[in-house]
Amino acid sequence: MIINPGYRISCVKDSEIDEAAAKYGFKNIFIGYDTTAKKNKGINNYNELMETYLAFRNGNDWRVRYKKEVDSLYKLAFLQDSSKLNPAK
């Protein structure tokens, strides 16, 4: 689990994004923005520990590979939404 402040950006590819995270051994949790400095410190400490484990599990460049997969999914979602707005004639 990786804890993210803020809210998830909803996307038609959410399930595939969750699958990509699972492939690397974690789940994204979004907690909103209402956190205290003490909570933020705990979240950062926890996430650092998880990052260390995930680097051990997946290799040091795991985050780059994961981000590339997620970015591709967001791009596909954007293209799908765009094609709905401007269907081919």
Protein backbone atom coordinates (compact mmCIF):
# COMPACT_ATOMS: atom_id res chain seq x y z
CA MET A 1 0.00 0.00 0.00
CA ILE A 2 1.20 3.50 -0.86
CA ILE A 3 -0.65 6.35 0.79
CA ASN A 4 -1.32 9.39 -1.39
CA PRO A 5 -2.58 12.72 -0.10
CA GLY A 6 -5.34 14.11 -2.29
CA TYR A 7 -8.01 12.40 -4.31
CA ARG A 8 -7.81 9.88 -7.11
CA ILE A 9 -8.28 11.27 -10.60
CA SER A 10 -11.19 9.21 -11.84
CA CYS A 11 -10.57 7.51 -15.17
CA VAL A 12 -12.17 4.79 -17.29
CA LYS A 13 -8.88 2.90 -16.91
CA ASP A 14 -8.98 2.81 -13.07
CA SER A 15 -9.15 -0.99 -12.94
CA GLU A 16 -6.13 -1.33 -15.25
CA ILE A 17 -4.21 1.23 -13.17
CA ASP A 18 -5.02 -0.82 -10.06
CA GLU A 19 -3.79 -3.94 -11.87
CA ALA A 20 -0.52 -2.20 -12.75
CA ALA A 21 0.00 -1.27 -9.09
CA ALA A 22 -0.79 -4.84 -8.03
CA LYS A 23 1.75 -6.15 -10.54
CA TYR A 24 4.41 -4.12 -8.71
CA GLY A 25 3.13 -5.28 -5.31
CA PHE A 26 1.13 -2.41 -3.89
CA LYS A 27 -2.23 -0.65 -3.82
CA ASN A 28 -2.73 3.12 -4.00
CA ILE A 29 -4.73 4.61 -1.14
CA PHE A 30 -5.96 8.22 -1.39
CA ILE A 31 -6.74 10.04 1.86
CA GLY A 32 -7.86 13.52 0.79
CA TYR A 33 -6.15 16.72 1.81
CA ASP A 34 -7.27 16.99 5.44
CA THR A 35 -4.09 15.83 7.16
CA THR A 36 -1.97 17.23 9.94
CA ALA A 37 1.80 17.70 9.94
CA LYS A 38 2.07 14.71 12.28
CA LYS A 39 0.01 12.52 9.92
CA ASN A 40 2.07 13.69 6.94
CA LYS A 41 5.28 12.73 8.71
CA GLY A 42 3.90 9.27 9.47
CA ILE A 43 2.71 8.86 5.88
CA ASN A 44 6.11 9.91 4.52
CA ASN A 45 7.93 7.50 6.87
CA TYR A 46 5.61 4.65 5.90
CA ASN A 47 5.89 5.39 2.16
CA GLU A 48 9.71 5.53 2.38
CA LEU A 49 9.68 2.06 3.92
CA MET A 50 7.35 0.80 1.18
CA GLU A 51 9.54 2.38 -1.54
CA THR A 52 12.55 0.51 -0.13
CA TYR A 53 10.65 -2.78 -0.15
CA LEU A 54 9.28 -2.17 -3.67
CA ALA A 55 12.77 -1.33 -4.99
CA PHE A 56 14.03 -4.59 -3.50
CA ARG A 57 11.09 -6.51 -5.00
CA ASN A 58 10.96 -4.85 -8.44
CA GLY A 59 14.37 -3.27 -9.02
CA ASN A 60 15.48 0.33 -8.52
CA ASP A 61 13.75 1.62 -11.66
CA TRP A 62 10.34 0.17 -10.78
CA ARG A 63 8.76 3.58 -10.21
CA VAL A 64 9.75 4.77 -13.73
CA ARG A 65 8.31 1.63 -15.32
CA TYR A 66 5.10 1.87 -13.29
CA LYS A 67 4.66 5.56 -14.12
CA LYS A 68 5.16 4.83 -17.82
CA GLU A 69 2.42 2.18 -17.72
CA VAL A 70 0.01 4.48 -15.86
CA ASP A 71 0.75 7.41 -18.17
CA SER A 72 -0.02 5.17 -21.16
CA LEU A 73 -3.34 4.16 -19.60
CA TYR A 74 -4.29 7.81 -18.98
CA LYS A 75 -3.35 8.62 -22.57
CA LEU A 76 -5.54 5.78 -23.87
CA ALA A 77 -8.42 6.99 -21.69
CA PHE A 78 -8.00 10.52 -23.03
CA LEU A 79 -7.97 9.27 -26.62
CA GLN A 80 -11.11 7.19 -25.99
CA ASP A 81 -12.89 10.20 -24.46
CA SER A 82 -11.77 12.43 -27.34
CA SER A 83 -13.05 9.99 -29.94
CA LYS A 84 -16.48 10.02 -28.24
CA LEU A 85 -16.57 13.80 -28.50
CA ASN A 86 -15.38 13.87 -32.14
CA PRO A 87 -16.53 10.65 -33.80
CA ALA A 88 -15.16 9.92 -37.26
CA LYS A 89 -17.50 10.85 -40.07
